[in-house]
Amino acid sequence: MAIDRQGTGLAVLRICLGVFFIFEGVGKIRWFIDTSLLARQLADWSHAVGPGSSSHWYLERIAIPGVAIFARLVPLGEMA
């Protein structure tokens, strides 16, 4: 009887990644109630990056204005 080592390894990896993402999503469950937690973190990141960088542009134009949406989508996506 042959053991499919590649299939078994991929199944173990898939389960470990699933458990990791579930715990990451559960850790962000507070974002549903208080979006200021994510807003504060994004503002800190915005001050840390250079003003002309693409990261600063992304934070100022997309992430910070959409914080109410992202605060709910990120935990849902990680737990799904």
C-alpha atoms as a PDB file:
ATOM      1  CA  MET A   1       0.000   0.000   0.000  1.00  0.00           C
ATOM      2  CA  ALA A   2       1.562   3.285  -1.125  1.00  0.00           C
ATOM      3  CA  ILE A   3       1.250   6.503   0.814  1.00  0.00           C
ATOM      4  CA  ASP A   4       0.735   9.673  -1.200  1.00  0.00           C
ATOM      5  CA  ARG A   5       3.337  11.812   0.563  1.00  0.00           C
ATOM      6  CA  GLN A   6       2.792  14.886  -1.601  1.00  0.00           C
ATOM      7  CA  GLY A   7      -0.977  14.805  -1.109  1.00  0.00           C
ATOM      8  CA  THR A   8      -0.579  14.260   2.622  1.00  0.00           C
ATOM      9  CA  GLY A   9       1.917  17.096   2.904  1.00  0.00           C
ATOM     10  CA  LEU A  10      -0.360  19.467   0.996  1.00  0.00           C
ATOM     11  CA  ALA A  11      -3.319  18.508   3.192  1.00  0.00           C
ATOM     12  CA  VAL A  12      -1.309  19.211   6.360  1.00  0.00           C
ATOM     13  CA  LEU A  13      -0.135  22.535   4.918  1.00  0.00           C
ATOM     14  CA  ARG A  14      -3.700  23.487   3.963  1.00  0.00           C
ATOM     15  CA  ILE A  15      -4.982  22.709   7.452  1.00  0.00           C
ATOM     16  CA  CYS A  16      -2.168  24.647   9.142  1.00  0.00           C
ATOM     17  CA  LEU A  17      -2.751  27.705   6.934  1.00  0.00           C
ATOM     18  CA  GLY A  18      -6.490  27.514   7.617  1.00  0.00           C
ATOM     19  CA  VAL A  19      -5.950  27.429  11.372  1.00  0.00           C
ATOM     20  CA  PHE A  20      -3.495  30.338  11.098  1.00  0.00           C
ATOM     21  CA  PHE A  21      -5.957  32.522   9.184  1.00  0.00           C
ATOM     22  CA  ILE A  22      -8.829  31.662  11.548  1.00  0.00           C
ATOM     23  CA  PHE A  23      -6.786  32.785  14.555  1.00  0.00           C
ATOM     24  CA  GLU A  24      -5.672  35.953  12.747  1.00  0.00           C
ATOM     25  CA  GLY A  25      -9.306  36.765  11.911  1.00  0.00           C
ATOM     26  CA  VAL A  26     -10.489  36.092  15.454  1.00  0.00           C
ATOM     27  CA  GLY A  27      -7.800  38.475  16.726  1.00  0.00           C
ATOM     28  CA  LYS A  28      -9.329  41.234  14.576  1.00  0.00           C
ATOM     29  CA  ILE A  29     -12.956  40.631  15.563  1.00  0.00           C
ATOM     30  CA  ARG A  30     -12.900  43.848  17.639  1.00  0.00           C
ATOM     31  CA  TRP A  31     -12.611  45.826  14.389  1.00  0.00           C
ATOM     32  CA  PHE A  32     -16.318  45.117  13.743  1.00  0.00           C
ATOM     33  CA  ILE A  33     -17.297  47.219  16.756  1.00  0.00           C
ATOM     34  CA  ASP A  34     -14.475  49.775  16.894  1.00  0.00           C
ATOM     35  CA  THR A  35     -13.029  50.761  13.520  1.00  0.00           C
ATOM     36  CA  SER A  36     -10.798  53.349  15.193  1.00  0.00           C
ATOM     37  CA  LEU A  37      -8.353  50.534  16.039  1.00  0.00           C
ATOM     38  CA  LEU A  38      -7.602  50.001  12.359  1.00  0.00           C
ATOM     39  CA  ALA A  39      -7.753  53.743  11.621  1.00  0.00           C
ATOM     40  CA  ARG A  40      -5.124  54.424  14.283  1.00  0.00           C
ATOM     41  CA  GLN A  41      -2.848  51.712  12.907  1.00  0.00           C
ATOM     42  CA  LEU A  42      -3.187  53.019   9.352  1.00  0.00           C
ATOM     43  CA  ALA A  43      -2.497  56.597  10.493  1.00  0.00           C
ATOM     44  CA  ASP A  44       0.660  55.432  12.280  1.00  0.00           C
ATOM     45  CA  TRP A  45       1.801  53.648   9.121  1.00  0.00           C
ATOM     46  CA  SER A  46       1.029  56.749   7.061  1.00  0.00           C
ATOM     47  CA  HIS A  47       3.313  58.859   9.265  1.00  0.00           C
ATOM     48  CA  ALA A  48       6.079  56.239   9.071  1.00  0.00           C
ATOM     49  CA  VAL A  49       6.342  56.103   5.264  1.00  0.00           C
ATOM     50  CA  GLY A  50       7.797  58.797   3.031  1.00  0.00           C
ATOM     51  CA  PRO A  51       5.372  61.446   1.731  1.00  0.00           C
ATOM     52  CA  GLY A  52       6.094  60.735  -1.940  1.00  0.00           C
ATOM     53  CA  SER A  53       5.969  56.954  -1.764  1.00  0.00           C
ATOM     54  CA  SER A  54       3.313  54.739  -3.293  1.00  0.00           C
ATOM     55  CA  SER A  55       2.543  53.360   0.175  1.00  0.00           C
ATOM     56  CA  HIS A  56       1.683  56.855   1.405  1.00  0.00           C
ATOM     57  CA  TRP A  57      -0.519  57.433  -1.647  1.00  0.00           C
ATOM     58  CA  TYR A  58      -2.338  54.125  -1.060  1.00  0.00           C
ATOM     59  CA  LEU A  59      -2.878  54.837   2.625  1.00  0.00           C
ATOM     60  CA  GLU A  60      -4.133  58.400   2.065  1.00  0.00           C
ATOM     61  CA  ARG A  61      -6.332  57.711  -0.989  1.00  0.00           C
ATOM     62  CA  ILE A  62      -7.674  54.192  -0.466  1.00  0.00           C
ATOM     63  CA  ALA A  63      -7.032  52.607   2.940  1.00  0.00           C
ATOM     64  CA  ILE A  64      -7.793  55.453   5.364  1.00  0.00           C
ATOM     65  CA  PRO A  65     -10.967  56.680   3.582  1.00  0.00           C
ATOM     66  CA  GLY A  66     -12.236  53.085   3.351  1.00  0.00           C
ATOM     67  CA  VAL A  67     -11.379  52.091   6.914  1.00  0.00           C
ATOM     68  CA  ALA A  68     -15.008  51.330   7.818  1.00  0.00           C
ATOM     69  CA  ILE A  69     -15.260  48.827   4.970  1.00  0.00           C
ATOM     70  CA  PHE A  70     -11.809  47.279   5.418  1.00  0.00           C
ATOM     71  CA  ALA A  71     -12.324  46.872   9.178  1.00  0.00           C
ATOM     72  CA  ARG A  72     -15.141  44.469   8.393  1.00  0.00           C
ATOM     73  CA  LEU A  73     -13.815  42.777   5.253  1.00  0.00           C
ATOM     74  CA  VAL A  74     -10.363  41.826   6.555  1.00  0.00           C
ATOM     75  CA  PRO A  75     -11.552  39.694   9.517  1.00  0.00           C
ATOM     76  CA  LEU A  76     -14.283  38.112   7.366  1.00  0.00           C
ATOM     77  CA  GLY A  77     -11.795  37.271   4.631  1.00  0.00           C
ATOM     78  CA  GLU A  78      -9.328  35.774   7.058  1.00  0.00           C
ATOM     79  CA  MET A  79     -11.949  33.622   8.740  1.00  0.00           C
ATOM     80  CA  ALA A  80     -13.580  32.528   5.469  1.00  0.00           C
END
